[in-house]
Amino acid sequence: MQKQDIYDWIAKELAETFEIKPALIKPEARLYEDLDIDSIDAVDLIVRLKQATGKKMAPEAFKAVRTVEDVVEAVYRQLQEHGA
């Protein structure tokens, strides 16, 4: 899975699951401040990532995540480490 694929999937999930307007979803958008994602939503997103990739996403990999691009990078690293 390439970074663009990950970004596209995350953007779709944010729009559909959390009812965020697609125009607000950009790589630099801050999850908490710009998109109003709370910690419970973040956990839900990690669970959905696991379902989509079939790979366990380590919660600690997401502790420093602040933007949509950060999520993409964290998922990409996790997939590389787990041989996706």
N, C-alpha and C. Protein backbone atom coordinates (compact mmCIF):
# COMPACT_ATOMS: atom_id res chain seq x y z
N MET A 1 0.85 -1.18 0.00
CA MET A 1 0.00 0.00 0.00
C MET A 1 0.89 1.24 0.00
N GLN A 2 0.65 2.11 -0.95
CA GLN A 2 1.43 3.34 -1.06
C GLN A 2 0.83 4.44 -0.20
N LYS A 3 1.62 5.48 0.04
CA LYS A 3 1.14 6.59 0.89
C LYS A 3 -0.11 7.24 0.33
N GLN A 4 -0.20 7.40 -0.98
CA GLN A 4 -1.39 8.02 -1.57
C GLN A 4 -2.62 7.15 -1.33
N ASP A 5 -2.46 5.83 -1.41
CA ASP A 5 -3.57 4.92 -1.13
C ASP A 5 -4.03 5.05 0.31
N ILE A 6 -3.07 5.15 1.21
CA ILE A 6 -3.38 5.31 2.64
C ILE A 6 -4.11 6.62 2.86
N TYR A 7 -3.59 7.69 2.27
CA TYR A 7 -4.24 9.00 2.42
C TYR A 7 -5.67 8.96 1.88
N ASP A 8 -5.86 8.39 0.71
CA ASP A 8 -7.19 8.32 0.11
C ASP A 8 -8.16 7.56 1.02
N TRP A 9 -7.69 6.45 1.57
CA TRP A 9 -8.53 5.65 2.45
C TRP A 9 -8.87 6.42 3.72
N ILE A 10 -7.87 7.06 4.33
CA ILE A 10 -8.10 7.82 5.55
C ILE A 10 -9.06 8.98 5.30
N ALA A 11 -8.87 9.68 4.20
CA ALA A 11 -9.77 10.79 3.86
C ALA A 11 -11.20 10.30 3.70
N LYS A 12 -11.38 9.18 3.04
CA LYS A 12 -12.71 8.60 2.85
C LYS A 12 -13.32 8.21 4.19
N GLU A 13 -12.53 7.56 5.04
CA GLU A 13 -13.03 7.15 6.36
C GLU A 13 -13.41 8.36 7.21
N LEU A 14 -12.58 9.38 7.20
CA LEU A 14 -12.88 10.57 7.99
C LEU A 14 -14.18 11.21 7.52
N ALA A 15 -14.36 11.28 6.21
CA ALA A 15 -15.57 11.90 5.66
C ALA A 15 -16.81 11.06 5.96
N GLU A 16 -16.72 9.77 5.76
CA GLU A 16 -17.89 8.91 5.92
C GLU A 16 -18.19 8.57 7.37
N THR A 17 -17.19 8.18 8.11
CA THR A 17 -17.40 7.72 9.48
C THR A 17 -17.65 8.87 10.45
N PHE A 18 -16.88 9.94 10.30
CA PHE A 18 -16.96 11.03 11.27
C PHE A 18 -17.69 12.26 10.71
N GLU A 19 -18.26 12.09 9.50
CA GLU A 19 -19.06 13.13 8.86
C GLU A 19 -18.32 14.47 8.78
N ILE A 20 -17.07 14.37 8.33
CA ILE A 20 -16.24 15.56 8.13
C ILE A 20 -16.33 15.96 6.67
N LYS A 21 -16.52 17.23 6.43
CA LYS A 21 -16.60 17.71 5.05
C LYS A 21 -15.28 17.42 4.33
N PRO A 22 -15.34 16.79 3.16
CA PRO A 22 -14.12 16.46 2.43
C PRO A 22 -13.19 17.65 2.19
N ALA A 23 -13.75 18.84 2.02
CA ALA A 23 -12.92 20.03 1.77
C ALA A 23 -12.02 20.35 2.96
N LEU A 24 -12.39 19.90 4.15
CA LEU A 24 -11.58 20.16 5.34
C LEU A 24 -10.43 19.16 5.49
N ILE A 25 -10.53 18.04 4.81
CA ILE A 25 -9.54 16.97 4.97
C ILE A 25 -8.38 17.21 4.02
N LYS A 26 -7.28 17.64 4.59
CA LYS A 26 -6.05 17.92 3.86
C LYS A 26 -4.90 17.30 4.64
N PRO A 27 -3.76 17.06 4.01
CA PRO A 27 -2.63 16.47 4.75
C PRO A 27 -2.25 17.27 5.99
N GLU A 28 -2.32 18.61 5.91
CA GLU A 28 -1.89 19.43 7.04
C GLU A 28 -2.98 19.68 8.07
N ALA A 29 -4.19 19.16 7.82
CA ALA A 29 -5.30 19.36 8.76
C ALA A 29 -4.99 18.68 10.10
N ARG A 30 -5.15 19.45 11.18
CA ARG A 30 -4.92 18.90 12.52
C ARG A 30 -6.16 18.14 12.97
N LEU A 31 -5.94 16.92 13.43
CA LEU A 31 -7.06 16.05 13.78
C LEU A 31 -7.96 16.66 14.83
N TYR A 32 -7.39 17.12 15.92
CA TYR A 32 -8.19 17.59 17.05
C TYR A 32 -8.74 18.99 16.82
N GLU A 33 -7.90 19.89 16.37
CA GLU A 33 -8.30 21.29 16.23
C GLU A 33 -9.12 21.55 14.97
N ASP A 34 -8.68 21.02 13.83
CA ASP A 34 -9.33 21.33 12.56
C ASP A 34 -10.49 20.38 12.23
N LEU A 35 -10.33 19.11 12.60
CA LEU A 35 -11.33 18.11 12.22
C LEU A 35 -12.20 17.66 13.38
N ASP A 36 -11.92 18.15 14.56
CA ASP A 36 -12.72 17.84 15.75
C ASP A 36 -12.77 16.34 16.05
N ILE A 37 -11.65 15.67 15.83
CA ILE A 37 -11.52 14.24 16.16
C ILE A 37 -11.08 14.16 17.62
N ASP A 38 -11.79 13.39 18.43
CA ASP A 38 -11.37 13.24 19.82
C ASP A 38 -10.64 11.91 19.99
N SER A 39 -10.20 11.62 21.21
CA SER A 39 -9.39 10.42 21.43
C SER A 39 -10.18 9.14 21.16
N ILE A 40 -11.46 9.12 21.43
CA ILE A 40 -12.28 7.94 21.14
C ILE A 40 -12.38 7.74 19.62
N ASP A 41 -12.56 8.83 18.88
CA ASP A 41 -12.58 8.74 17.42
C ASP A 41 -11.25 8.22 16.89
N ALA A 42 -10.15 8.66 17.49
CA ALA A 42 -8.83 8.22 17.06
C ALA A 42 -8.68 6.71 17.26
N VAL A 43 -9.16 6.19 18.37
CA VAL A 43 -9.10 4.75 18.63
C VAL A 43 -9.96 4.02 17.59
N ASP A 44 -11.14 4.56 17.30
CA ASP A 44 -12.01 3.97 16.30
C ASP A 44 -11.31 3.92 14.94
N LEU A 45 -10.60 4.98 14.61
CA LEU A 45 -9.87 5.02 13.35
C LEU A 45 -8.79 3.94 13.31
N ILE A 46 -8.08 3.73 14.41
CA ILE A 46 -7.05 2.68 14.49
C ILE A 46 -7.68 1.31 14.29
N VAL A 47 -8.85 1.09 14.89
CA VAL A 47 -9.56 -0.20 14.72
C VAL A 47 -9.94 -0.39 13.26
N ARG A 48 -10.42 0.65 12.62
CA ARG A 48 -10.79 0.56 11.20
C ARG A 48 -9.56 0.31 10.32
N LEU A 49 -8.44 0.91 10.68
CA LEU A 49 -7.20 0.67 9.94
C LEU A 49 -6.81 -0.80 10.02
N LYS A 50 -6.95 -1.37 11.20
CA LYS A 50 -6.62 -2.79 11.37
C LYS A 50 -7.52 -3.65 10.49
N GLN A 51 -8.82 -3.33 10.48
CA GLN A 51 -9.76 -4.09 9.66
C GLN A 51 -9.42 -3.96 8.17
N ALA A 52 -9.05 -2.78 7.77
CA ALA A 52 -8.77 -2.53 6.34
C ALA A 52 -7.47 -3.17 5.88
N THR A 53 -6.46 -3.17 6.75
CA THR A 53 -5.15 -3.67 6.34
C THR A 53 -4.90 -5.12 6.76
N GLY A 54 -5.66 -5.59 7.74
CA GLY A 54 -5.42 -6.92 8.27
C GLY A 54 -4.20 -6.97 9.17
N LYS A 55 -3.64 -5.80 9.47
CA LYS A 55 -2.45 -5.70 10.32
C LYS A 55 -2.79 -5.00 11.63
N LYS A 56 -2.19 -5.48 12.70
CA LYS A 56 -2.39 -4.84 13.99
C LYS A 56 -1.64 -3.52 14.01
N MET A 57 -2.33 -2.46 14.31
CA MET A 57 -1.72 -1.14 14.40
C MET A 57 -1.37 -0.87 15.87
N ALA A 58 -0.11 -0.64 16.13
CA ALA A 58 0.33 -0.40 17.50
C ALA A 58 -0.12 0.99 17.96
N PRO A 59 -0.92 1.06 19.02
CA PRO A 59 -1.41 2.36 19.49
C PRO A 59 -0.28 3.35 19.79
N GLU A 60 0.84 2.85 20.28
CA GLU A 60 1.95 3.76 20.61
C GLU A 60 2.50 4.47 19.38
N ALA A 61 2.31 3.88 18.21
CA ALA A 61 2.78 4.51 16.98
C ALA A 61 1.96 5.75 16.64
N PHE A 62 0.81 5.88 17.28
CA PHE A 62 -0.09 6.98 16.98
C PHE A 62 -0.10 8.07 18.05
N LYS A 63 0.72 7.92 19.08
CA LYS A 63 0.75 8.90 20.17
C LYS A 63 1.17 10.30 19.70
N ALA A 64 2.09 10.38 18.77
CA ALA A 64 2.60 11.68 18.32
C ALA A 64 1.84 12.22 17.10
N VAL A 65 0.79 11.53 16.69
CA VAL A 65 0.03 11.92 15.51
C VAL A 65 -0.78 13.18 15.81
N ARG A 66 -0.64 14.18 14.95
CA ARG A 66 -1.38 15.44 15.12
C ARG A 66 -2.16 15.83 13.87
N THR A 67 -1.65 15.43 12.69
CA THR A 67 -2.28 15.82 11.42
C THR A 67 -2.66 14.59 10.62
N VAL A 68 -3.42 14.80 9.56
CA VAL A 68 -3.78 13.71 8.66
C VAL A 68 -2.51 13.09 8.08
N GLU A 69 -1.55 13.92 7.69
CA GLU A 69 -0.28 13.41 7.14
C GLU A 69 0.46 12.56 8.17
N ASP A 70 0.39 12.94 9.45
CA ASP A 70 1.01 12.14 10.50
C ASP A 70 0.39 10.74 10.55
N VAL A 71 -0.92 10.67 10.39
CA VAL A 71 -1.61 9.38 10.38
C VAL A 71 -1.12 8.54 9.21
N VAL A 72 -1.03 9.16 8.03
CA VAL A 72 -0.56 8.46 6.84
C VAL A 72 0.84 7.90 7.09
N GLU A 73 1.73 8.73 7.63
CA GLU A 73 3.10 8.28 7.91
C GLU A 73 3.14 7.14 8.91
N ALA A 74 2.33 7.24 9.97
CA ALA A 74 2.31 6.20 11.00
C ALA A 74 1.81 4.88 10.43
N VAL A 75 0.75 4.95 9.63
CA VAL A 75 0.21 3.73 9.02
C VAL A 75 1.23 3.14 8.04
N TYR A 76 1.84 3.99 7.24
CA TYR A 76 2.83 3.53 6.28
C TYR A 76 3.99 2.81 6.99
N ARG A 77 4.50 3.42 8.06
CA ARG A 77 5.58 2.78 8.84
C ARG A 77 5.14 1.45 9.41
N GLN A 78 3.93 1.41 9.97
CA GLN A 78 3.43 0.16 10.55
C GLN A 78 3.34 -0.94 9.49
N LEU A 79 2.85 -0.58 8.33
CA LEU A 79 2.72 -1.57 7.26
C LEU A 79 4.09 -2.04 6.78
N GLN A 80 5.06 -1.14 6.70
CA GLN A 80 6.41 -1.52 6.28
C GLN A 80 7.04 -2.46 7.30
N GLU A 81 6.84 -2.16 8.58
CA GLU A 81 7.40 -3.00 9.65
C GLU A 81 6.78 -4.38 9.68
N HIS A 82 5.53 -4.47 9.26
CA HIS A 82 4.82 -5.75 9.32
C HIS A 82 4.72 -6.43 7.96
N GLY A 83 5.52 -5.94 7.02
CA GLY A 83 5.65 -6.60 5.72
C GLY A 83 4.41 -6.59 4.85
N ALA A 84 3.71 -5.45 4.85
CA ALA A 84 2.52 -5.37 4.00
C ALA A 84 2.92 -5.04 2.57
